[in-house]
């Protein structure tokens, strides 16, 4: 979660570079979720990029995929939809 809509737009640009898919934006909660290929590396890159941009997220989390998401990934239909929420 972010503190403001300005932070939301800046964060959207930051995570778009790191994401392996389309960011999902919740404007009312000032939150963004993105699928990533390398979970830990993506988390560190997002946290570093936010810090460098002067954005202090209220929360940043890494979520494991659901069984359905893992199945879709293993069958080759999509990138592994692990999420970094900032």
PDB file of N, CA and C in Angstrom:
ATOM      1  N   UNK A   1       0.838  -1.176   0.000  1.00  0.00           N
ATOM      2  CA  UNK A   1       0.000   0.000   0.000  1.00  0.00           C
ATOM      3  C   UNK A   1       0.884   1.240   0.000  1.00  0.00           C
ATOM      4  N   UNK A   2       0.367   2.232  -0.651  1.00  0.00           N
ATOM      5  CA  UNK A   2       1.099   3.492  -0.765  1.00  0.00           C
ATOM      6  C   UNK A   2       0.339   4.604  -0.069  1.00  0.00           C
ATOM      7  N   UNK A   3       1.020   5.704   0.147  1.00  0.00           N
ATOM      8  CA  UNK A   3       0.428   6.801   0.905  1.00  0.00           C
ATOM      9  C   UNK A   3      -0.463   7.714   0.068  1.00  0.00           C
ATOM     10  N   UNK A   4      -0.234   7.802  -1.257  1.00  0.00           N
ATOM     11  CA  UNK A   4      -0.987   8.764  -2.060  1.00  0.00           C
ATOM     12  C   UNK A   4      -1.134   8.301  -3.501  1.00  0.00           C
ATOM     13  N   UNK A   5      -2.005   8.973  -4.240  1.00  0.00           N
ATOM     14  CA  UNK A   5      -2.188   8.653  -5.656  1.00  0.00           C
ATOM     15  C   UNK A   5      -0.952   9.022  -6.466  1.00  0.00           C
ATOM     16  N   UNK A   6      -0.203  10.035  -6.043  1.00  0.00           N
ATOM     17  CA  UNK A   6       1.043  10.389  -6.734  1.00  0.00           C
ATOM     18  C   UNK A   6       2.051   9.253  -6.603  1.00  0.00           C
ATOM     19  N   UNK A   7       2.150   8.681  -5.406  1.00  0.00           N
ATOM     20  CA  UNK A   7       3.030   7.536  -5.201  1.00  0.00           C
ATOM     21  C   UNK A   7       2.567   6.344  -6.034  1.00  0.00           C
ATOM     22  N   UNK A   8       1.261   6.180  -6.176  1.00  0.00           N
ATOM     23  CA  UNK A   8       0.705   5.074  -6.948  1.00  0.00           C
ATOM     24  C   UNK A   8       1.151   5.152  -8.407  1.00  0.00           C
ATOM     25  N   UNK A   9       1.069   6.328  -9.004  1.00  0.00           N
ATOM     26  CA  UNK A   9       1.460   6.481 -10.408  1.00  0.00           C
ATOM     27  C   UNK A   9       2.960   6.283 -10.601  1.00  0.00           C
ATOM     28  N   UNK A  10       3.764   6.818  -9.699  1.00  0.00           N
ATOM     29  CA  UNK A  10       5.212   6.640  -9.797  1.00  0.00           C
ATOM     30  C   UNK A  10       5.589   5.174  -9.601  1.00  0.00           C
ATOM     31  N   UNK A  11       4.933   4.508  -8.672  1.00  0.00           N
ATOM     32  CA  UNK A  11       5.204   3.095  -8.420  1.00  0.00           C
ATOM     33  C   UNK A  11       4.799   2.245  -9.605  1.00  0.00           C
ATOM     34  N   UNK A  12       3.718   2.601 -10.249  1.00  0.00           N
ATOM     35  CA  UNK A  12       3.276   1.869 -11.444  1.00  0.00           C
ATOM     36  C   UNK A  12       4.380   1.864 -12.504  1.00  0.00           C
ATOM     37  N   UNK A  13       5.021   2.981 -12.708  1.00  0.00           N
ATOM     38  CA  UNK A  13       6.100   3.064 -13.689  1.00  0.00           C
ATOM     39  C   UNK A  13       7.299   2.230 -13.251  1.00  0.00           C
ATOM     40  N   UNK A  14       7.588   2.220 -11.975  1.00  0.00           N
ATOM     41  CA  UNK A  14       8.730   1.458 -11.458  1.00  0.00           C
ATOM     42  C   UNK A  14       8.491  -0.043 -11.617  1.00  0.00           C
ATOM     43  N   UNK A  15       7.330  -0.522 -11.186  1.00  0.00           N
ATOM     44  CA  UNK A  15       7.083  -1.965 -11.221  1.00  0.00           C
ATOM     45  C   UNK A  15       6.853  -2.486 -12.633  1.00  0.00           C
ATOM     46  N   UNK A  16       6.436  -1.628 -13.552  1.00  0.00           N
ATOM     47  CA  UNK A  16       6.213  -2.064 -14.933  1.00  0.00           C
ATOM     48  C   UNK A  16       7.504  -2.588 -15.564  1.00  0.00           C
ATOM     49  N   UNK A  17       8.627  -2.020 -15.161  1.00  0.00           N
ATOM     50  CA  UNK A  17       9.925  -2.446 -15.691  1.00  0.00           C
ATOM     51  C   UNK A  17      10.325  -3.812 -15.130  1.00  0.00           C
ATOM     52  N   UNK A  18       9.922  -4.111 -13.924  1.00  0.00           N
ATOM     53  CA  UNK A  18      10.332  -5.326 -13.228  1.00  0.00           C
ATOM     54  C   UNK A  18       9.344  -6.473 -13.441  1.00  0.00           C
ATOM     55  N   UNK A  19       8.090  -6.157 -13.673  1.00  0.00           N
ATOM     56  CA  UNK A  19       7.029  -7.159 -13.781  1.00  0.00           C
ATOM     57  C   UNK A  19       7.180  -8.041 -15.013  1.00  0.00           C
ATOM     58  N   UNK A  20       6.675  -9.262 -14.907  1.00  0.00           N
ATOM     59  CA  UNK A  20       6.646 -10.161 -16.053  1.00  0.00           C
ATOM     60  C   UNK A  20       5.229 -10.254 -16.616  1.00  0.00           C
ATOM     61  N   UNK A  21       4.409  -9.292 -16.267  1.00  0.00           N
ATOM     62  CA  UNK A  21       3.025  -9.222 -16.746  1.00  0.00           C
ATOM     63  C   UNK A  21       2.443  -7.867 -16.399  1.00  0.00           C
ATOM     64  N   UNK A  22       1.173  -7.711 -16.674  1.00  0.00           N
ATOM     65  CA  UNK A  22       0.482  -6.443 -16.426  1.00  0.00           C
ATOM     66  C   UNK A  22       0.277  -6.187 -14.936  1.00  0.00           C
ATOM     67  N   UNK A  23       0.627  -4.984 -14.468  1.00  0.00           N
ATOM     68  CA  UNK A  23       0.324  -4.617 -13.084  1.00  0.00           C
ATOM     69  C   UNK A  23      -1.185  -4.502 -12.875  1.00  0.00           C
ATOM     70  N   UNK A  24      -1.654  -4.927 -11.713  1.00  0.00           N
ATOM     71  CA  UNK A  24      -3.052  -4.731 -11.318  1.00  0.00           C
ATOM     72  C   UNK A  24      -3.069  -3.615 -10.297  1.00  0.00           C
ATOM     73  N   UNK A  25      -3.903  -2.621 -10.566  1.00  0.00           N
ATOM     74  CA  UNK A  25      -3.913  -1.429  -9.729  1.00  0.00           C
ATOM     75  C   UNK A  25      -5.243  -1.307  -9.002  1.00  0.00           C
ATOM     76  N   UNK A  26      -5.160  -1.073  -7.698  1.00  0.00           N
ATOM     77  CA  UNK A  26      -6.331  -0.804  -6.880  1.00  0.00           C
ATOM     78  C   UNK A  26      -6.198   0.656  -6.438  1.00  0.00           C
ATOM     79  N   UNK A  27      -6.833   1.550  -7.196  1.00  0.00           N
ATOM     80  CA  UNK A  27      -6.673   2.984  -6.938  1.00  0.00           C
ATOM     81  C   UNK A  27      -7.265   3.423  -5.615  1.00  0.00           C
ATOM     82  N   UNK A  28      -8.339   2.792  -5.187  1.00  0.00           N
ATOM     83  CA  UNK A  28      -8.957   3.216  -3.922  1.00  0.00           C
ATOM     84  C   UNK A  28      -8.109   2.822  -2.712  1.00  0.00           C
ATOM     85  N   UNK A  29      -7.317   1.761  -2.837  1.00  0.00           N
ATOM     86  CA  UNK A  29      -6.458   1.326  -1.735  1.00  0.00           C
ATOM     87  C   UNK A  29      -5.014   1.768  -1.923  1.00  0.00           C
ATOM     88  N   UNK A  30      -4.728   2.474  -3.029  1.00  0.00           N
ATOM     89  CA  UNK A  30      -3.353   2.874  -3.362  1.00  0.00           C
ATOM     90  C   UNK A  30      -2.429   1.649  -3.346  1.00  0.00           C
ATOM     91  N   UNK A  31      -2.822   0.594  -4.072  1.00  0.00           N
ATOM     92  CA  UNK A  31      -2.048  -0.655  -4.078  1.00  0.00           C
ATOM     93  C   UNK A  31      -1.836  -1.139  -5.505  1.00  0.00           C
ATOM     94  N   UNK A  32      -0.707  -1.794  -5.714  1.00  0.00           N
ATOM     95  CA  UNK A  32      -0.363  -2.372  -7.006  1.00  0.00           C
ATOM     96  C   UNK A  32       0.144  -3.786  -6.769  1.00  0.00           C
ATOM     97  N   UNK A  33      -0.322  -4.726  -7.591  1.00  0.00           N
ATOM     98  CA  UNK A  33       0.181  -6.095  -7.566  1.00  0.00           C
ATOM     99  C   UNK A  33       0.699  -6.421  -8.949  1.00  0.00           C
ATOM    100  N   UNK A  34       1.843  -7.092  -9.002  1.00  0.00           N
ATOM    101  CA  UNK A  34       2.431  -7.451 -10.294  1.00  0.00           C
ATOM    102  C   UNK A  34       2.969  -8.877 -10.253  1.00  0.00           C
ATOM    103  N   UNK A  35       2.827  -9.612 -11.363  1.00  0.00           N
ATOM    104  CA  UNK A  35       3.463 -10.926 -11.438  1.00  0.00           C
ATOM    105  C   UNK A  35       4.952 -10.737 -11.705  1.00  0.00           C
ATOM    106  N   UNK A  36       5.768 -11.586 -11.103  1.00  0.00           N
ATOM    107  CA  UNK A  36       7.219 -11.496 -11.288  1.00  0.00           C
ATOM    108  C   UNK A  36       7.783 -12.888 -11.534  1.00  0.00           C
ATOM    109  N   UNK A  37       8.911 -12.943 -12.246  1.00  0.00           N
ATOM    110  CA  UNK A  37       9.542 -14.222 -12.553  1.00  0.00           C
ATOM    111  C   UNK A  37      10.495 -14.661 -11.441  1.00  0.00           C
ATOM    112  N   UNK A  38      11.302 -13.766 -10.948  1.00  0.00           N
ATOM    113  CA  UNK A  38      12.275 -14.091  -9.898  1.00  0.00           C
ATOM    114  C   UNK A  38      11.856 -13.364  -8.627  1.00  0.00           C
ATOM    115  N   UNK A  39      11.180 -14.075  -7.754  1.00  0.00           N
ATOM    116  CA  UNK A  39      10.496 -13.464  -6.612  1.00  0.00           C
ATOM    117  C   UNK A  39      11.394 -12.620  -5.729  1.00  0.00           C
ATOM    118  N   UNK A  40      12.453 -13.192  -5.202  1.00  0.00           N
ATOM    119  CA  UNK A  40      13.304 -12.458  -4.265  1.00  0.00           C
ATOM    120  C   UNK A  40      14.011 -11.306  -4.952  1.00  0.00           C
ATOM    121  N   UNK A  41      14.553 -11.568  -6.126  1.00  0.00           N
ATOM    122  CA  UNK A  41      15.247 -10.515  -6.866  1.00  0.00           C
ATOM    123  C   UNK A  41      14.281  -9.370  -7.192  1.00  0.00           C
ATOM    124  N   UNK A  42      13.050  -9.699  -7.596  1.00  0.00           N
ATOM    125  CA  UNK A  42      12.064  -8.665  -7.913  1.00  0.00           C
ATOM    126  C   UNK A  42      11.724  -7.839  -6.682  1.00  0.00           C
ATOM    127  N   UNK A  43      11.572  -8.494  -5.538  1.00  0.00           N
ATOM    128  CA  UNK A  43      11.259  -7.780  -4.297  1.00  0.00           C
ATOM    129  C   UNK A  43      12.361  -6.787  -3.954  1.00  0.00           C
ATOM    130  N   UNK A  44      13.611  -7.223  -4.059  1.00  0.00           N
ATOM    131  CA  UNK A  44      14.741  -6.341  -3.757  1.00  0.00           C
ATOM    132  C   UNK A  44      14.799  -5.191  -4.764  1.00  0.00           C
ATOM    133  N   UNK A  45      14.600  -5.494  -6.051  1.00  0.00           N
ATOM    134  CA  UNK A  45      14.651  -4.445  -7.075  1.00  0.00           C
ATOM    135  C   UNK A  45      13.548  -3.406  -6.869  1.00  0.00           C
ATOM    136  N   UNK A  46      12.335  -3.872  -6.547  1.00  0.00           N
ATOM    137  CA  UNK A  46      11.228  -2.935  -6.310  1.00  0.00           C
ATOM    138  C   UNK A  46      11.512  -2.083  -5.081  1.00  0.00           C
ATOM    139  N   UNK A  47      11.932  -2.714  -3.999  1.00  0.00           N
ATOM    140  CA  UNK A  47      12.213  -1.966  -2.767  1.00  0.00           C
ATOM    141  C   UNK A  47      13.313  -0.929  -2.988  1.00  0.00           C
ATOM    142  N   UNK A  48      14.366  -1.314  -3.711  1.00  0.00           N
ATOM    143  CA  UNK A  48      15.465  -0.394  -3.989  1.00  0.00           C
ATOM    144  C   UNK A  48      15.007   0.753  -4.874  1.00  0.00           C
ATOM    145  N   UNK A  49      14.243   0.440  -5.930  1.00  0.00           N
ATOM    146  CA  UNK A  49      13.765   1.473  -6.852  1.00  0.00           C
ATOM    147  C   UNK A  49      12.814   2.444  -6.148  1.00  0.00           C
ATOM    148  N   UNK A  50      11.951   1.928  -5.281  1.00  0.00           N
ATOM    149  CA  UNK A  50      11.055   2.815  -4.525  1.00  0.00           C
ATOM    150  C   UNK A  50      11.859   3.722  -3.599  1.00  0.00           C
ATOM    151  N   UNK A  51      12.835   3.169  -2.924  1.00  0.00           N
ATOM    152  CA  UNK A  51      13.691   3.972  -2.039  1.00  0.00           C
ATOM    153  C   UNK A  51      14.400   5.070  -2.833  1.00  0.00           C
ATOM    154  N   UNK A  52      14.982   4.693  -3.971  1.00  0.00           N
ATOM    155  CA  UNK A  52      15.699   5.663  -4.801  1.00  0.00           C
ATOM    156  C   UNK A  52      14.781   6.772  -5.315  1.00  0.00           C
ATOM    157  N   UNK A  53      13.495   6.453  -5.507  1.00  0.00           N
ATOM    158  CA  UNK A  53      12.521   7.443  -5.980  1.00  0.00           C
ATOM    159  C   UNK A  53      11.920   8.255  -4.837  1.00  0.00           C
ATOM    160  N   UNK A  54      12.314   7.939  -3.607  1.00  0.00           N
ATOM    161  CA  UNK A  54      11.782   8.662  -2.458  1.00  0.00           C
ATOM    162  C   UNK A  54      10.368   8.247  -2.082  1.00  0.00           C
ATOM    163  N   UNK A  55       9.980   7.046  -2.475  1.00  0.00           N
ATOM    164  CA  UNK A  55       8.635   6.538  -2.166  1.00  0.00           C
ATOM    165  C   UNK A  55       8.758   5.545  -1.015  1.00  0.00           C
ATOM    166  N   UNK A  56       7.996   5.785   0.035  1.00  0.00           N
ATOM    167  CA  UNK A  56       8.004   4.922   1.208  1.00  0.00           C
ATOM    168  C   UNK A  56       6.675   4.164   1.261  1.00  0.00           C
ATOM    169  N   UNK A  57       6.667   2.893   0.795  1.00  0.00           N
ATOM    170  CA  UNK A  57       5.404   2.144   0.834  1.00  0.00           C
ATOM    171  C   UNK A  57       4.980   1.862   2.271  1.00  0.00           C
ATOM    172  N   UNK A  58       3.673   1.816   2.498  1.00  0.00           N
ATOM    173  CA  UNK A  58       3.157   1.456   3.811  1.00  0.00           C
ATOM    174  C   UNK A  58       3.308  -0.036   4.049  1.00  0.00           C
ATOM    175  N   UNK A  59       3.327  -0.811   2.942  1.00  0.00           N
ATOM    176  CA  UNK A  59       3.457  -2.256   3.025  1.00  0.00           C
ATOM    177  C   UNK A  59       3.984  -2.769   1.689  1.00  0.00           C
ATOM    178  N   UNK A  60       4.839  -3.764   1.744  1.00  0.00           N
ATOM    179  CA  UNK A  60       5.313  -4.435   0.543  1.00  0.00           C
ATOM    180  C   UNK A  60       5.411  -5.923   0.875  1.00  0.00           C
ATOM    181  N   UNK A  61       4.791  -6.767   0.056  1.00  0.00           N
ATOM    182  CA  UNK A  61       4.729  -8.193   0.368  1.00  0.00           C
ATOM    183  C   UNK A  61       5.024  -9.027  -0.874  1.00  0.00           C
ATOM    184  N   UNK A  62       5.406 -10.251  -0.625  1.00  0.00           N
ATOM    185  CA  UNK A  62       5.646 -11.229  -1.663  1.00  0.00           C
ATOM    186  C   UNK A  62       4.687 -12.379  -1.416  1.00  0.00           C
ATOM    187  N   UNK A  63       3.923 -12.754  -2.428  1.00  0.00           N
ATOM    188  CA  UNK A  63       2.919 -13.806  -2.282  1.00  0.00           C
ATOM    189  C   UNK A  63       3.290 -15.010  -3.130  1.00  0.00           C
ATOM    190  N   UNK A  64       3.119 -16.197  -2.581  1.00  0.00           N
ATOM    191  CA  UNK A  64       3.338 -17.429  -3.341  1.00  0.00           C
ATOM    192  C   UNK A  64       2.147 -17.668  -4.269  1.00  0.00           C
ATOM    193  N   UNK A  65       2.376 -18.363  -5.381  1.00  0.00           N
ATOM    194  CA  UNK A  65       1.261 -18.621  -6.301  1.00  0.00           C
ATOM    195  C   UNK A  65       0.277 -19.637  -5.715  1.00  0.00           C
ATOM    196  N   UNK A  66      -0.959 -19.540  -6.166  1.00  0.00           N
ATOM    197  CA  UNK A  66      -1.953 -20.547  -5.808  1.00  0.00           C
ATOM    198  C   UNK A  66      -1.667 -21.810  -6.621  1.00  0.00           C
ATOM    199  N   UNK A  67      -2.317 -22.904  -6.289  1.00  0.00           N
ATOM    200  CA  UNK A  67      -2.146 -24.134  -7.066  1.00  0.00           C
ATOM    201  C   UNK A  67      -2.588 -23.925  -8.513  1.00  0.00           C
ATOM    202  N   UNK A  68      -3.663 -23.191  -8.719  1.00  0.00           N
ATOM    203  CA  UNK A  68      -4.137 -22.915 -10.085  1.00  0.00           C
ATOM    204  C   UNK A  68      -3.088 -22.121 -10.862  1.00  0.00           C
ATOM    205  N   UNK A  69      -2.510 -21.112 -10.234  1.00  0.00           N
ATOM    206  CA  UNK A  69      -1.497 -20.300 -10.896  1.00  0.00           C
ATOM    207  C   UNK A  69      -0.261 -21.133 -11.239  1.00  0.00           C
ATOM    208  N   UNK A  70       0.143 -22.006 -10.328  1.00  0.00           N
ATOM    209  CA  UNK A  70       1.306 -22.866 -10.584  1.00  0.00           C
ATOM    210  C   UNK A  70       1.016 -23.825 -11.735  1.00  0.00           C
ATOM    211  N   UNK A  71      -0.186 -24.375 -11.786  1.00  0.00           N
ATOM    212  CA  UNK A  71      -0.557 -25.277 -12.874  1.00  0.00           C
ATOM    213  C   UNK A  71      -0.500 -24.560 -14.220  1.00  0.00           C
ATOM    214  N   UNK A  72      -1.059 -23.362 -14.272  1.00  0.00           N
ATOM    215  CA  UNK A  72      -1.041 -22.583 -15.518  1.00  0.00           C
ATOM    216  C   UNK A  72       0.396 -22.318 -15.948  1.00  0.00           C
ATOM    217  N   UNK A  73       1.239 -21.995 -14.994  1.00  0.00           N
ATOM    218  CA  UNK A  73       2.649 -21.752 -15.313  1.00  0.00           C
ATOM    219  C   UNK A  73       3.321 -23.018 -15.842  1.00  0.00           C
ATOM    220  N   UNK A  74       3.078 -24.142 -15.179  1.00  0.00           N
ATOM    221  CA  UNK A  74       3.717 -25.397 -15.578  1.00  0.00           C
ATOM    222  C   UNK A  74       3.235 -25.902 -16.931  1.00  0.00           C
ATOM    223  N   UNK A  75       2.011 -25.566 -17.305  1.00  0.00           N
ATOM    224  CA  UNK A  75       1.502 -25.993 -18.609  1.00  0.00           C
ATOM    225  C   UNK A  75       1.916 -25.037 -19.716  1.00  0.00           C
ATOM    226  N   UNK A  76       2.650 -23.977 -19.351  1.00  0.00           N
ATOM    227  CA  UNK A  76       3.198 -23.069 -20.351  1.00  0.00           C
ATOM    228  C   UNK A  76       2.266 -21.979 -20.816  1.00  0.00           C
ATOM    229  N   UNK A  77       1.164 -21.756 -20.105  1.00  0.00           N
ATOM    230  CA  UNK A  77       0.201 -20.753 -20.540  1.00  0.00           C
ATOM    231  C   UNK A  77       0.513 -19.339 -20.084  1.00  0.00           C
ATOM    232  N   UNK A  78       1.358 -19.171 -19.070  1.00  0.00           N
ATOM    233  CA  UNK A  78       1.600 -17.821 -18.563  1.00  0.00           C
ATOM    234  C   UNK A  78       2.863 -17.798 -17.717  1.00  0.00           C
ATOM    235  N   UNK A  79       3.374 -16.594 -17.493  1.00  0.00           N
ATOM    236  CA  UNK A  79       4.485 -16.419 -16.565  1.00  0.00           C
ATOM    237  C   UNK A  79       3.982 -16.701 -15.170  1.00  0.00           C
ATOM    238  N   UNK A  80       4.864 -17.175 -14.326  1.00  0.00           N
ATOM    239  CA  UNK A  80       4.480 -17.495 -12.957  1.00  0.00           C
ATOM    240  C   UNK A  80       3.982 -16.251 -12.243  1.00  0.00           C
ATOM    241  N   UNK A  81       2.698 -16.205 -11.892  1.00  0.00           N
ATOM    242  CA  UNK A  81       2.108 -14.981 -11.345  1.00  0.00           C
ATOM    243  C   UNK A  81       2.339 -14.806  -9.854  1.00  0.00           C
ATOM    244  N   UNK A  82       3.558 -14.652  -9.483  1.00  0.00           N
ATOM    245  CA  UNK A  82       3.881 -14.287  -8.114  1.00  0.00           C
ATOM    246  C   UNK A  82       3.769 -12.783  -8.027  1.00  0.00           C
ATOM    247  N   UNK A  83       3.369 -12.291  -6.895  1.00  0.00           N
ATOM    248  CA  UNK A  83       3.071 -10.870  -6.823  1.00  0.00           C
ATOM    249  C   UNK A  83       3.919 -10.145  -5.805  1.00  0.00           C
ATOM    250  N   UNK A  84       4.309  -8.976  -6.184  1.00  0.00           N
ATOM    251  CA  UNK A  84       4.913  -8.023  -5.257  1.00  0.00           C
ATOM    252  C   UNK A  84       3.904  -6.908  -5.131  1.00  0.00           C
ATOM    253  N   UNK A  85       3.431  -6.665  -3.949  1.00  0.00           N
ATOM    254  CA  UNK A  85       2.480  -5.581  -3.728  1.00  0.00           C
ATOM    255  C   UNK A  85       3.215  -4.441  -3.049  1.00  0.00           C
ATOM    256  N   UNK A  86       3.090  -3.277  -3.628  1.00  0.00           N
ATOM    257  CA  UNK A  86       3.766  -2.130  -3.042  1.00  0.00           C
ATOM    258  C   UNK A  86       2.761  -1.050  -2.758  1.00  0.00           C
TER     259      UNK A  86
END
